[in-house]
């Protein structure tokens, strides 16, 4: 009992510190919980949420779980104690956050997931990319580049997966293998390594160094985010390998962060899958506000997201190459209204 009281007191002191002297244009407060603010992708997602909140006159409380599911569960619980009106959640894990989400919904608080989802327990909608389809498109681009390069088959490919348990890692990995496994069975592709690098640049560097210590005969690498791809590029450069289509190692990432754009312009990365993180955060706040203020519900025609069973407000994605970087930048940064 004493621990519970002290925890509530600490949360109240925290919120008092955060908003002393602030004047809100609305009584609504939303929590925006992200898995790791160290990644530029999630900084863009939060920026979209903050811009929408400013437009609507609501307050947003932002939490960074630092890839720690237990910490994110506590942040969800703290949000409920604070009396927030809606929760916009970028979950660390597709299963670990389910009990906490269920508790929030039981309190009558609408929950929206952004970029990543949890198993459906009644959240209003998942807002984000169809990760399976987008990953398939990235893998298809890699195969097309390998084919055009004239490299001898079987093409030797490295796959770097994201943080185990996260819906993005699971679904992107599935999308990659949906394309690579049939080609492997046909003798066109050999997956020489498929390892996790936790969506982290330094881990991508270390994992790739370990791979190259025993095998440098690699034609391509595809990764579940750009951070891992950029780490792998550093490892390959240190090993003296040629990088980039057509003569070097083909590199395909995912997320289209600024550093990936620069790598594409330099010819060190050949493609990345652009998502719309700003729009995910922007839609999350707008959808939460519309749900509370207008009784908005997702349109009947929106699909169910097969991997988790949630209603899916799909944000756009695009395979980015040197030929369409400007189009991708517009996709990432342009706010549009939520589907009605």
C-alpha atoms as a PDB file:
ATOM      1  CA  UNK A   1       0.000   0.000   0.000  1.00  0.00           C
ATOM      2  CA  UNK A   2       2.780   2.408   0.931  1.00  0.00           C
ATOM      3  CA  UNK A   3       4.641   1.615  -2.324  1.00  0.00           C
ATOM      4  CA  UNK A   4       1.462   2.291  -4.303  1.00  0.00           C
ATOM      5  CA  UNK A   5       0.962   5.650  -2.542  1.00  0.00           C
ATOM      6  CA  UNK A   6       4.568   6.684  -3.128  1.00  0.00           C
ATOM      7  CA  UNK A   7       4.314   5.776  -6.800  1.00  0.00           C
ATOM      8  CA  UNK A   8       1.184   7.885  -7.259  1.00  0.00           C
ATOM      9  CA  UNK A   9       2.868  10.767  -5.440  1.00  0.00           C
ATOM     10  CA  UNK A  10       5.946  10.547  -7.689  1.00  0.00           C
ATOM     11  CA  UNK A  11       3.780  10.541 -10.822  1.00  0.00           C
ATOM     12  CA  UNK A  12       1.846  13.610  -9.623  1.00  0.00           C
ATOM     13  CA  UNK A  13       5.069  15.448  -8.824  1.00  0.00           C
ATOM     14  CA  UNK A  14       6.403  14.575 -12.283  1.00  0.00           C
ATOM     15  CA  UNK A  15       3.376  15.904 -14.100  1.00  0.00           C
ATOM     16  CA  UNK A  16       3.384  19.011 -11.954  1.00  0.00           C
ATOM     17  CA  UNK A  17       6.978  19.644 -12.943  1.00  0.00           C
ATOM     18  CA  UNK A  18       6.252  19.071 -16.621  1.00  0.00           C
ATOM     19  CA  UNK A  19       3.336  21.449 -16.847  1.00  0.00           C
ATOM     20  CA  UNK A  20       3.968  24.161 -14.255  1.00  0.00           C
ATOM     21  CA  UNK A  21       3.084  27.465 -15.885  1.00  0.00           C
ATOM     22  CA  UNK A  22       1.551  25.820 -18.970  1.00  0.00           C
ATOM     23  CA  UNK A  23      -1.885  26.895 -20.099  1.00  0.00           C
ATOM     24  CA  UNK A  24      -3.836  24.253 -21.992  1.00  0.00           C
ATOM     25  CA  UNK A  25      -6.394  25.183 -24.621  1.00  0.00           C
ATOM     26  CA  UNK A  26      -8.260  21.940 -23.912  1.00  0.00           C
ATOM     27  CA  UNK A  27      -8.869  19.704 -20.946  1.00  0.00           C
ATOM     28  CA  UNK A  28      -7.762  16.666 -22.955  1.00  0.00           C
ATOM     29  CA  UNK A  29      -4.460  14.960 -22.192  1.00  0.00           C
ATOM     30  CA  UNK A  30      -3.048  12.136 -24.302  1.00  0.00           C
ATOM     31  CA  UNK A  31      -0.074   9.923 -23.562  1.00  0.00           C
ATOM     32  CA  UNK A  32       2.258   9.117 -26.445  1.00  0.00           C
ATOM     33  CA  UNK A  33       4.447   6.138 -25.541  1.00  0.00           C
ATOM     34  CA  UNK A  34       7.319   5.214 -27.858  1.00  0.00           C
ATOM     35  CA  UNK A  35       9.675   2.281 -27.679  1.00  0.00           C
ATOM     36  CA  UNK A  36      12.949   4.192 -28.088  1.00  0.00           C
ATOM     37  CA  UNK A  37      13.511   7.895 -28.741  1.00  0.00           C
ATOM     38  CA  UNK A  38      17.153   7.197 -29.612  1.00  0.00           C
ATOM     39  CA  UNK A  39      15.934   6.324 -33.123  1.00  0.00           C
ATOM     40  CA  UNK A  40      15.290   9.292 -35.459  1.00  0.00           C
ATOM     41  CA  UNK A  41      12.216   7.475 -36.781  1.00  0.00           C
ATOM     42  CA  UNK A  42      10.436   7.796 -33.438  1.00  0.00           C
ATOM     43  CA  UNK A  43      11.509  11.409 -33.042  1.00  0.00           C
ATOM     44  CA  UNK A  44       9.554  12.081 -36.252  1.00  0.00           C
ATOM     45  CA  UNK A  45       6.563  10.138 -34.912  1.00  0.00           C
ATOM     46  CA  UNK A  46       6.518  12.233 -31.723  1.00  0.00           C
ATOM     47  CA  UNK A  47       6.891  15.444 -33.752  1.00  0.00           C
ATOM     48  CA  UNK A  48       3.779  14.520 -35.723  1.00  0.00           C
ATOM     49  CA  UNK A  49       1.876  13.901 -32.488  1.00  0.00           C
ATOM     50  CA  UNK A  50       3.042  17.202 -30.988  1.00  0.00           C
ATOM     51  CA  UNK A  51       2.110  19.180 -34.100  1.00  0.00           C
ATOM     52  CA  UNK A  52      -1.366  17.641 -34.113  1.00  0.00           C
ATOM     53  CA  UNK A  53      -1.746  18.377 -30.406  1.00  0.00           C
ATOM     54  CA  UNK A  54      -0.849  22.030 -31.002  1.00  0.00           C
ATOM     55  CA  UNK A  55      -3.427  22.253 -33.807  1.00  0.00           C
ATOM     56  CA  UNK A  56      -6.141  20.775 -31.605  1.00  0.00           C
ATOM     57  CA  UNK A  57      -5.220  22.461 -28.340  1.00  0.00           C
ATOM     58  CA  UNK A  58      -4.617  19.248 -26.403  1.00  0.00           C
ATOM     59  CA  UNK A  59      -1.679  18.263 -24.204  1.00  0.00           C
ATOM     60  CA  UNK A  60       0.517  15.277 -24.915  1.00  0.00           C
ATOM     61  CA  UNK A  61       2.757  13.521 -22.425  1.00  0.00           C
ATOM     62  CA  UNK A  62       5.604  11.690 -24.134  1.00  0.00           C
ATOM     63  CA  UNK A  63       7.304   8.635 -22.643  1.00  0.00           C
ATOM     64  CA  UNK A  64      10.405   6.783 -23.849  1.00  0.00           C
ATOM     65  CA  UNK A  65      10.541   3.091 -22.925  1.00  0.00           C
ATOM     66  CA  UNK A  66      14.158   2.677 -24.099  1.00  0.00           C
ATOM     67  CA  UNK A  67      13.204  -0.731 -25.542  1.00  0.00           C
ATOM     68  CA  UNK A  68      12.249  -2.001 -22.075  1.00  0.00           C
ATOM     69  CA  UNK A  69       8.828  -3.672 -22.024  1.00  0.00           C
ATOM     70  CA  UNK A  70       8.598  -3.653 -18.220  1.00  0.00           C
ATOM     71  CA  UNK A  71       9.316   0.071 -18.190  1.00  0.00           C
ATOM     72  CA  UNK A  72       6.697   0.691 -20.871  1.00  0.00           C
ATOM     73  CA  UNK A  73       4.101  -1.239 -18.868  1.00  0.00           C
ATOM     74  CA  UNK A  74       4.830   1.037 -15.905  1.00  0.00           C
ATOM     75  CA  UNK A  75       4.476   4.072 -18.166  1.00  0.00           C
ATOM     76  CA  UNK A  76       1.078   2.844 -19.314  1.00  0.00           C
ATOM     77  CA  UNK A  77       0.020   2.365 -15.685  1.00  0.00           C
ATOM     78  CA  UNK A  78       1.312   5.823 -14.752  1.00  0.00           C
ATOM     79  CA  UNK A  79      -0.694   7.332 -17.609  1.00  0.00           C
ATOM     80  CA  UNK A  80      -3.873   5.772 -16.242  1.00  0.00           C
ATOM     81  CA  UNK A  81      -3.097   7.133 -12.754  1.00  0.00           C
ATOM     82  CA  UNK A  82      -2.699  10.604 -14.282  1.00  0.00           C
ATOM     83  CA  UNK A  83      -6.181  10.381 -15.775  1.00  0.00           C
ATOM     84  CA  UNK A  84      -5.201  10.681 -19.433  1.00  0.00           C
ATOM     85  CA  UNK A  85      -8.030  10.715 -21.978  1.00  0.00           C
ATOM     86  CA  UNK A  86      -6.395   8.599 -24.692  1.00  0.00           C
ATOM     87  CA  UNK A  87      -3.306   6.459 -25.199  1.00  0.00           C
ATOM     88  CA  UNK A  88      -1.209   6.416 -28.371  1.00  0.00           C
ATOM     89  CA  UNK A  89       1.146   3.478 -28.014  1.00  0.00           C
ATOM     90  CA  UNK A  90       4.197   2.457 -30.007  1.00  0.00           C
ATOM     91  CA  UNK A  91       4.686  -0.871 -28.212  1.00  0.00           C
ATOM     92  CA  UNK A  92       8.007  -2.507 -27.484  1.00  0.00           C
ATOM     93  CA  UNK A  93       6.531  -5.996 -27.800  1.00  0.00           C
ATOM     94  CA  UNK A  94       3.503  -7.444 -29.554  1.00  0.00           C
ATOM     95  CA  UNK A  95       2.578  -9.672 -26.573  1.00  0.00           C
ATOM     96  CA  UNK A  96       4.143  -8.167 -23.444  1.00  0.00           C
ATOM     97  CA  UNK A  97       2.002  -5.014 -23.595  1.00  0.00           C
ATOM     98  CA  UNK A  98      -1.310  -6.863 -24.043  1.00  0.00           C
ATOM     99  CA  UNK A  99      -2.291  -6.989 -20.323  1.00  0.00           C
ATOM    100  CA  UNK A 100      -1.521  -3.279 -19.884  1.00  0.00           C
ATOM    101  CA  UNK A 101      -3.518  -2.335 -22.981  1.00  0.00           C
ATOM    102  CA  UNK A 102      -6.404  -4.465 -21.810  1.00  0.00           C
ATOM    103  CA  UNK A 103      -6.344  -2.621 -18.474  1.00  0.00           C
ATOM    104  CA  UNK A 104      -6.427   0.784 -20.179  1.00  0.00           C
ATOM    105  CA  UNK A 105      -9.378  -0.240 -22.342  1.00  0.00           C
ATOM    106  CA  UNK A 106     -11.188  -1.539 -19.248  1.00  0.00           C
ATOM    107  CA  UNK A 107     -10.882   1.985 -17.807  1.00  0.00           C
ATOM    108  CA  UNK A 108     -12.780   3.323 -20.814  1.00  0.00           C
ATOM    109  CA  UNK A 109      -9.701   4.988 -22.330  1.00  0.00           C
ATOM    110  CA  UNK A 110      -9.339   4.647 -26.120  1.00  0.00           C
ATOM    111  CA  UNK A 111      -6.067   3.114 -27.288  1.00  0.00           C
ATOM    112  CA  UNK A 112      -4.414   3.596 -30.662  1.00  0.00           C
ATOM    113  CA  UNK A 113      -1.217   1.794 -31.632  1.00  0.00           C
ATOM    114  CA  UNK A 114       1.276   3.511 -33.950  1.00  0.00           C
ATOM    115  CA  UNK A 115       3.987   1.976 -36.157  1.00  0.00           C
ATOM    116  CA  UNK A 116       3.874  -1.217 -34.102  1.00  0.00           C
ATOM    117  CA  UNK A 117       0.864  -3.120 -32.814  1.00  0.00           C
ATOM    118  CA  UNK A 118      -0.119  -5.524 -30.043  1.00  0.00           C
ATOM    119  CA  UNK A 119      -2.412  -8.515 -30.376  1.00  0.00           C
ATOM    120  CA  UNK A 120      -5.911  -7.129 -30.738  1.00  0.00           C
ATOM    121  CA  UNK A 121      -7.671  -6.768 -27.381  1.00  0.00           C
ATOM    122  CA  UNK A 122      -9.975  -3.914 -28.355  1.00  0.00           C
ATOM    123  CA  UNK A 123      -7.688  -1.057 -29.340  1.00  0.00           C
ATOM    124  CA  UNK A 124      -9.471   1.344 -31.680  1.00  0.00           C
ATOM    125  CA  UNK A 125      -6.994   0.922 -34.534  1.00  0.00           C
ATOM    126  CA  UNK A 126      -3.429   0.237 -35.540  1.00  0.00           C
ATOM    127  CA  UNK A 127      -1.983   3.238 -37.391  1.00  0.00           C
ATOM    128  CA  UNK A 128       1.005   2.376 -39.522  1.00  0.00           C
ATOM    129  CA  UNK A 129       2.596   0.524 -42.384  1.00  0.00           C
ATOM    130  CA  UNK A 130       1.642  -2.919 -43.570  1.00  0.00           C
ATOM    131  CA  UNK A 131       5.070  -4.186 -42.591  1.00  0.00           C
ATOM    132  CA  UNK A 132       4.750  -7.549 -44.319  1.00  0.00           C
ATOM    133  CA  UNK A 133       3.865  -6.030 -47.685  1.00  0.00           C
ATOM    134  CA  UNK A 134       6.426  -3.213 -47.377  1.00  0.00           C
ATOM    135  CA  UNK A 135       9.184  -5.704 -46.499  1.00  0.00           C
ATOM    136  CA  UNK A 136       8.223  -7.839 -49.481  1.00  0.00           C
ATOM    137  CA  UNK A 137       8.595  -4.781 -51.721  1.00  0.00           C
ATOM    138  CA  UNK A 138      12.026  -4.052 -50.259  1.00  0.00           C
ATOM    139  CA  UNK A 139      13.122  -7.647 -50.865  1.00  0.00           C
ATOM    140  CA  UNK A 140      11.794  -7.545 -54.426  1.00  0.00           C
ATOM    141  CA  UNK A 141      13.861  -4.413 -55.087  1.00  0.00           C
ATOM    142  CA  UNK A 142      16.977  -6.151 -53.748  1.00  0.00           C
ATOM    143  CA  UNK A 143      16.367  -9.140 -56.021  1.00  0.00           C
ATOM    144  CA  UNK A 144      15.770  -6.865 -59.025  1.00  0.00           C
ATOM    145  CA  UNK A 145      19.072  -5.086 -58.371  1.00  0.00           C
ATOM    146  CA  UNK A 146      20.921  -8.386 -58.033  1.00  0.00           C
ATOM    147  CA  UNK A 147      19.387  -9.609 -61.271  1.00  0.00           C
ATOM    148  CA  UNK A 148      20.303  -6.412 -63.122  1.00  0.00           C
ATOM    149  CA  UNK A 149      23.846  -6.501 -61.746  1.00  0.00           C
ATOM    150  CA  UNK A 150      24.573  -9.766 -63.517  1.00  0.00           C
ATOM    151  CA  UNK A 151      25.977 -11.384 -60.358  1.00  0.00           C
ATOM    152  CA  UNK A 152      26.238 -15.144 -60.502  1.00  0.00           C
ATOM    153  CA  UNK A 153      23.559 -17.215 -58.778  1.00  0.00           C
ATOM    154  CA  UNK A 154      22.932 -18.306 -56.137  1.00  0.00           C
ATOM    155  CA  UNK A 155      23.022 -14.795 -54.698  1.00  0.00           C
ATOM    156  CA  UNK A 156      24.410 -14.851 -51.186  1.00  0.00           C
ATOM    157  CA  UNK A 157      22.273 -12.696 -48.902  1.00  0.00           C
ATOM    158  CA  UNK A 158      22.503 -11.529 -45.277  1.00  0.00           C
ATOM    159  CA  UNK A 159      19.304 -10.661 -43.379  1.00  0.00           C
ATOM    160  CA  UNK A 160      19.419  -8.549 -40.201  1.00  0.00           C
ATOM    161  CA  UNK A 161      16.267  -8.714 -38.093  1.00  0.00           C
ATOM    162  CA  UNK A 162      15.001  -6.211 -35.526  1.00  0.00           C
ATOM    163  CA  UNK A 163      14.259  -6.490 -31.814  1.00  0.00           C
ATOM    164  CA  UNK A 164      12.753  -9.921 -31.068  1.00  0.00           C
ATOM    165  CA  UNK A 165       9.116  -9.739 -29.998  1.00  0.00           C
ATOM    166  CA  UNK A 166       8.327  -6.421 -31.668  1.00  0.00           C
ATOM    167  CA  UNK A 167       5.587  -6.604 -34.282  1.00  0.00           C
ATOM    168  CA  UNK A 168       7.734  -4.649 -36.752  1.00  0.00           C
ATOM    169  CA  UNK A 169      10.592  -7.154 -36.484  1.00  0.00           C
ATOM    170  CA  UNK A 170       8.309 -10.160 -36.777  1.00  0.00           C
ATOM    171  CA  UNK A 171       6.353  -8.808 -39.733  1.00  0.00           C
ATOM    172  CA  UNK A 172       9.302  -7.405 -41.690  1.00  0.00           C
ATOM    173  CA  UNK A 173      11.203 -10.632 -41.201  1.00  0.00           C
ATOM    174  CA  UNK A 174       8.176 -12.516 -42.519  1.00  0.00           C
ATOM    175  CA  UNK A 175       7.961 -10.214 -45.533  1.00  0.00           C
ATOM    176  CA  UNK A 176      11.639 -10.683 -46.383  1.00  0.00           C
ATOM    177  CA  UNK A 177      11.377 -14.456 -46.177  1.00  0.00           C
ATOM    178  CA  UNK A 178       8.146 -14.558 -48.206  1.00  0.00           C
ATOM    179  CA  UNK A 179      10.320 -13.455 -51.121  1.00  0.00           C
ATOM    180  CA  UNK A 180      13.635 -15.129 -50.265  1.00  0.00           C
ATOM    181  CA  UNK A 181      12.460 -18.618 -49.276  1.00  0.00           C
ATOM    182  CA  UNK A 182      10.945 -19.554 -52.682  1.00  0.00           C
ATOM    183  CA  UNK A 183      14.076 -18.240 -54.390  1.00  0.00           C
ATOM    184  CA  UNK A 184      16.167 -20.311 -52.022  1.00  0.00           C
ATOM    185  CA  UNK A 185      14.181 -23.420 -52.876  1.00  0.00           C
ATOM    186  CA  UNK A 186      14.739 -22.656 -56.553  1.00  0.00           C
ATOM    187  CA  UNK A 187      18.491 -22.373 -56.019  1.00  0.00           C
ATOM    188  CA  UNK A 188      18.646 -18.649 -56.839  1.00  0.00           C
ATOM    189  CA  UNK A 189      19.360 -17.322 -53.330  1.00  0.00           C
ATOM    190  CA  UNK A 190      21.372 -18.554 -50.369  1.00  0.00           C
ATOM    191  CA  UNK A 191      20.691 -16.838 -47.038  1.00  0.00           C
ATOM    192  CA  UNK A 192      24.157 -17.063 -45.517  1.00  0.00           C
ATOM    193  CA  UNK A 193      23.175 -15.394 -42.228  1.00  0.00           C
ATOM    194  CA  UNK A 194      19.895 -14.325 -40.629  1.00  0.00           C
ATOM    195  CA  UNK A 195      20.582 -12.669 -37.301  1.00  0.00           C
ATOM    196  CA  UNK A 196      19.041 -10.056 -35.032  1.00  0.00           C
ATOM    197  CA  UNK A 197      20.725  -6.695 -34.540  1.00  0.00           C
ATOM    198  CA  UNK A 198      17.958  -5.157 -32.391  1.00  0.00           C
ATOM    199  CA  UNK A 199      17.215  -2.221 -34.714  1.00  0.00           C
ATOM    200  CA  UNK A 200      20.507  -0.707 -33.487  1.00  0.00           C
ATOM    201  CA  UNK A 201      23.379   0.743 -35.541  1.00  0.00           C
ATOM    202  CA  UNK A 202      26.230  -0.330 -33.263  1.00  0.00           C
ATOM    203  CA  UNK A 203      24.755  -3.825 -32.952  1.00  0.00           C
ATOM    204  CA  UNK A 204      24.424  -3.980 -36.734  1.00  0.00           C
ATOM    205  CA  UNK A 205      28.113  -3.071 -36.970  1.00  0.00           C
ATOM    206  CA  UNK A 206      29.125  -5.766 -34.475  1.00  0.00           C
ATOM    207  CA  UNK A 207      26.935  -8.476 -35.986  1.00  0.00           C
ATOM    208  CA  UNK A 208      28.219  -7.730 -39.480  1.00  0.00           C
ATOM    209  CA  UNK A 209      31.826  -7.778 -38.256  1.00  0.00           C
ATOM    210  CA  UNK A 210      31.200 -11.247 -36.825  1.00  0.00           C
ATOM    211  CA  UNK A 211      29.727 -12.425 -40.138  1.00  0.00           C
ATOM    212  CA  UNK A 212      32.619 -11.010 -42.164  1.00  0.00           C
ATOM    213  CA  UNK A 213      35.180 -12.606 -39.863  1.00  0.00           C
ATOM    214  CA  UNK A 214      34.282 -15.966 -41.413  1.00  0.00           C
ATOM    215  CA  UNK A 215      32.673 -15.120 -44.761  1.00  0.00           C
ATOM    216  CA  UNK A 216      33.073 -12.091 -47.042  1.00  0.00           C
ATOM    217  CA  UNK A 217      31.426 -13.723 -50.048  1.00  0.00           C
ATOM    218  CA  UNK A 218      28.233 -11.669 -49.839  1.00  0.00           C
ATOM    219  CA  UNK A 219      26.161 -10.250 -52.685  1.00  0.00           C
ATOM    220  CA  UNK A 220      23.498  -8.356 -50.751  1.00  0.00           C
ATOM    221  CA  UNK A 221      22.208  -7.422 -47.317  1.00  0.00           C
ATOM    222  CA  UNK A 222      18.663  -6.501 -46.322  1.00  0.00           C
ATOM    223  CA  UNK A 223      17.797  -5.141 -42.898  1.00  0.00           C
ATOM    224  CA  UNK A 224      14.618  -4.459 -40.921  1.00  0.00           C
ATOM    225  CA  UNK A 225      15.655  -0.842 -40.335  1.00  0.00           C
ATOM    226  CA  UNK A 226      18.183   1.651 -41.637  1.00  0.00           C
ATOM    227  CA  UNK A 227      20.173   1.858 -38.416  1.00  0.00           C
ATOM    228  CA  UNK A 228      21.274  -1.769 -38.772  1.00  0.00           C
ATOM    229  CA  UNK A 229      22.050  -1.250 -42.470  1.00  0.00           C
ATOM    230  CA  UNK A 230      24.233   1.758 -41.693  1.00  0.00           C
ATOM    231  CA  UNK A 231      26.124  -0.219 -39.054  1.00  0.00           C
ATOM    232  CA  UNK A 232      26.640  -3.064 -41.525  1.00  0.00           C
ATOM    233  CA  UNK A 233      27.913  -0.610 -44.151  1.00  0.00           C
ATOM    234  CA  UNK A 234      30.553   0.635 -41.712  1.00  0.00           C
ATOM    235  CA  UNK A 235      31.646  -2.950 -41.052  1.00  0.00           C
ATOM    236  CA  UNK A 236      31.935  -3.683 -44.762  1.00  0.00           C
ATOM    237  CA  UNK A 237      33.900  -0.485 -45.415  1.00  0.00           C
ATOM    238  CA  UNK A 238      36.294  -1.369 -42.600  1.00  0.00           C
ATOM    239  CA  UNK A 239      36.744  -4.791 -44.222  1.00  0.00           C
ATOM    240  CA  UNK A 240      37.666  -3.144 -47.525  1.00  0.00           C
ATOM    241  CA  UNK A 241      34.609  -4.425 -49.377  1.00  0.00           C
ATOM    242  CA  UNK A 242      33.006  -2.703 -52.341  1.00  0.00           C
ATOM    243  CA  UNK A 243      29.510  -1.478 -51.537  1.00  0.00           C
ATOM    244  CA  UNK A 244      26.595  -0.648 -53.798  1.00  0.00           C
ATOM    245  CA  UNK A 245      24.967  -1.685 -57.069  1.00  0.00           C
ATOM    246  CA  UNK A 246      26.107  -2.883 -59.536  1.00  0.00           C
ATOM    247  CA  UNK A 247      29.570  -4.161 -58.643  1.00  0.00           C
ATOM    248  CA  UNK A 248      29.505  -4.118 -54.852  1.00  0.00           C
ATOM    249  CA  UNK A 249      27.282  -5.495 -52.096  1.00  0.00           C
ATOM    250  CA  UNK A 250      23.655  -4.426 -52.646  1.00  0.00           C
ATOM    251  CA  UNK A 251      22.269  -2.832 -49.458  1.00  0.00           C
ATOM    252  CA  UNK A 252      18.550  -2.395 -48.739  1.00  0.00           C
ATOM    253  CA  UNK A 253      17.246  -0.881 -45.484  1.00  0.00           C
ATOM    254  CA  UNK A 254      13.902   0.102 -44.018  1.00  0.00           C
ATOM    255  CA  UNK A 255      12.551   3.417 -42.579  1.00  0.00           C
ATOM    256  CA  UNK A 256      14.123   6.059 -44.869  1.00  0.00           C
ATOM    257  CA  UNK A 257      15.787   8.072 -42.121  1.00  0.00           C
ATOM    258  CA  UNK A 258      17.941  11.083 -43.046  1.00  0.00           C
ATOM    259  CA  UNK A 259      21.224   9.157 -42.767  1.00  0.00           C
ATOM    260  CA  UNK A 260      19.855   6.532 -45.147  1.00  0.00           C
ATOM    261  CA  UNK A 261      19.012   9.226 -47.693  1.00  0.00           C
ATOM    262  CA  UNK A 262      22.599  10.451 -47.477  1.00  0.00           C
ATOM    263  CA  UNK A 263      23.905   6.901 -47.904  1.00  0.00           C
ATOM    264  CA  UNK A 264      21.741   6.439 -51.016  1.00  0.00           C
ATOM    265  CA  UNK A 265      23.034   9.682 -52.486  1.00  0.00           C
ATOM    266  CA  UNK A 266      26.601   8.493 -51.877  1.00  0.00           C
ATOM    267  CA  UNK A 267      25.872   5.125 -53.480  1.00  0.00           C
ATOM    268  CA  UNK A 268      26.507   3.178 -50.269  1.00  0.00           C
ATOM    269  CA  UNK A 269      22.867   2.147 -49.813  1.00  0.00           C
ATOM    270  CA  UNK A 270      20.799   1.146 -52.806  1.00  0.00           C
ATOM    271  CA  UNK A 271      17.276   1.312 -51.415  1.00  0.00           C
ATOM    272  CA  UNK A 272      15.236   1.754 -48.272  1.00  0.00           C
ATOM    273  CA  UNK A 273      11.531   1.410 -47.551  1.00  0.00           C
ATOM    274  CA  UNK A 274      10.080   4.806 -46.639  1.00  0.00           C
ATOM    275  CA  UNK A 275       7.318   4.911 -44.083  1.00  0.00           C
ATOM    276  CA  UNK A 276       5.477   7.937 -42.729  1.00  0.00           C
ATOM    277  CA  UNK A 277       6.335   8.195 -39.009  1.00  0.00           C
ATOM    278  CA  UNK A 278       5.315  11.847 -38.786  1.00  0.00           C
ATOM    279  CA  UNK A 279       1.895  10.933 -40.181  1.00  0.00           C
ATOM    280  CA  UNK A 280       1.545   8.021 -37.727  1.00  0.00           C
ATOM    281  CA  UNK A 281       1.907  10.366 -34.757  1.00  0.00           C
ATOM    282  CA  UNK A 282      -0.195  13.047 -36.411  1.00  0.00           C
ATOM    283  CA  UNK A 283      -3.026  10.643 -37.173  1.00  0.00           C
ATOM    284  CA  UNK A 284      -2.783   9.106 -33.711  1.00  0.00           C
ATOM    285  CA  UNK A 285      -3.564  12.392 -31.949  1.00  0.00           C
ATOM    286  CA  UNK A 286      -6.195  13.437 -34.506  1.00  0.00           C
ATOM    287  CA  UNK A 287      -7.921  10.054 -34.294  1.00  0.00           C
ATOM    288  CA  UNK A 288      -7.908  10.122 -30.480  1.00  0.00           C
ATOM    289  CA  UNK A 289      -9.331  13.649 -30.452  1.00  0.00           C
ATOM    290  CA  UNK A 290     -11.993  12.829 -33.037  1.00  0.00           C
ATOM    291  CA  UNK A 291     -12.944   9.696 -31.115  1.00  0.00           C
ATOM    292  CA  UNK A 292     -13.500  11.654 -27.897  1.00  0.00           C
ATOM    293  CA  UNK A 293     -14.882  14.930 -29.253  1.00  0.00           C
ATOM    294  CA  UNK A 294     -16.903  13.707 -32.233  1.00  0.00           C
ATOM    295  CA  UNK A 295     -17.580  10.033 -31.623  1.00  0.00           C
ATOM    296  CA  UNK A 296     -15.408   9.167 -34.625  1.00  0.00           C
ATOM    297  CA  UNK A 297     -14.838   5.487 -35.354  1.00  0.00           C
ATOM    298  CA  UNK A 298     -12.696   3.965 -38.099  1.00  0.00           C
ATOM    299  CA  UNK A 299     -14.557   3.760 -41.435  1.00  0.00           C
ATOM    300  CA  UNK A 300     -16.321   0.474 -42.110  1.00  0.00           C
ATOM    301  CA  UNK A 301     -14.252  -0.190 -45.207  1.00  0.00           C
ATOM    302  CA  UNK A 302     -10.868  -0.170 -43.492  1.00  0.00           C
ATOM    303  CA  UNK A 303      -9.270  -3.625 -43.371  1.00  0.00           C
ATOM    304  CA  UNK A 304      -8.253  -5.822 -40.477  1.00  0.00           C
ATOM    305  CA  UNK A 305      -4.483  -6.056 -40.068  1.00  0.00           C
ATOM    306  CA  UNK A 306      -3.920  -9.782 -40.447  1.00  0.00           C
ATOM    307  CA  UNK A 307      -0.800 -10.163 -38.244  1.00  0.00           C
ATOM    308  CA  UNK A 308      -2.555  -8.814 -35.114  1.00  0.00           C
ATOM    309  CA  UNK A 309      -6.274  -8.682 -35.855  1.00  0.00           C
ATOM    310  CA  UNK A 310      -6.601  -4.915 -35.349  1.00  0.00           C
ATOM    311  CA  UNK A 311      -8.418  -2.468 -37.589  1.00  0.00           C
ATOM    312  CA  UNK A 312      -5.736  -0.926 -39.787  1.00  0.00           C
ATOM    313  CA  UNK A 313      -5.462   2.769 -40.643  1.00  0.00           C
ATOM    314  CA  UNK A 314      -2.723   2.227 -43.189  1.00  0.00           C
ATOM    315  CA  UNK A 315      -0.096   4.884 -43.710  1.00  0.00           C
ATOM    316  CA  UNK A 316       1.789   4.952 -47.031  1.00  0.00           C
ATOM    317  CA  UNK A 317       5.111   3.326 -47.811  1.00  0.00           C
ATOM    318  CA  UNK A 318       7.478   3.577 -50.765  1.00  0.00           C
ATOM    319  CA  UNK A 319      10.673   1.869 -51.854  1.00  0.00           C
ATOM    320  CA  UNK A 320      13.211   4.692 -52.098  1.00  0.00           C
ATOM    321  CA  UNK A 321      16.120   4.711 -54.518  1.00  0.00           C
ATOM    322  CA  UNK A 322      18.329   7.464 -55.873  1.00  0.00           C
ATOM    323  CA  UNK A 323      15.638   8.127 -58.494  1.00  0.00           C
ATOM    324  CA  UNK A 324      12.785   9.082 -56.136  1.00  0.00           C
ATOM    325  CA  UNK A 325      14.264  10.567 -52.965  1.00  0.00           C
ATOM    326  CA  UNK A 326      12.338  13.838 -53.339  1.00  0.00           C
ATOM    327  CA  UNK A 327       9.039  11.980 -53.626  1.00  0.00           C
ATOM    328  CA  UNK A 328       9.896   9.991 -50.505  1.00  0.00           C
ATOM    329  CA  UNK A 329      10.696  13.117 -48.495  1.00  0.00           C
ATOM    330  CA  UNK A 330       7.279  14.516 -49.370  1.00  0.00           C
ATOM    331  CA  UNK A 331       5.628  11.263 -48.295  1.00  0.00           C
ATOM    332  CA  UNK A 332       7.346  11.303 -44.919  1.00  0.00           C
ATOM    333  CA  UNK A 333       6.640  14.910 -43.990  1.00  0.00           C
ATOM    334  CA  UNK A 334       3.208  15.714 -45.427  1.00  0.00           C
ATOM    335  CA  UNK A 335       0.324  15.655 -42.913  1.00  0.00           C
ATOM    336  CA  UNK A 336      -3.034  14.512 -44.294  1.00  0.00           C
ATOM    337  CA  UNK A 337      -6.461  14.108 -42.608  1.00  0.00           C
ATOM    338  CA  UNK A 338      -7.405  10.845 -40.932  1.00  0.00           C
ATOM    339  CA  UNK A 339      -9.689   8.595 -43.012  1.00  0.00           C
ATOM    340  CA  UNK A 340     -13.359   9.453 -42.553  1.00  0.00           C
END
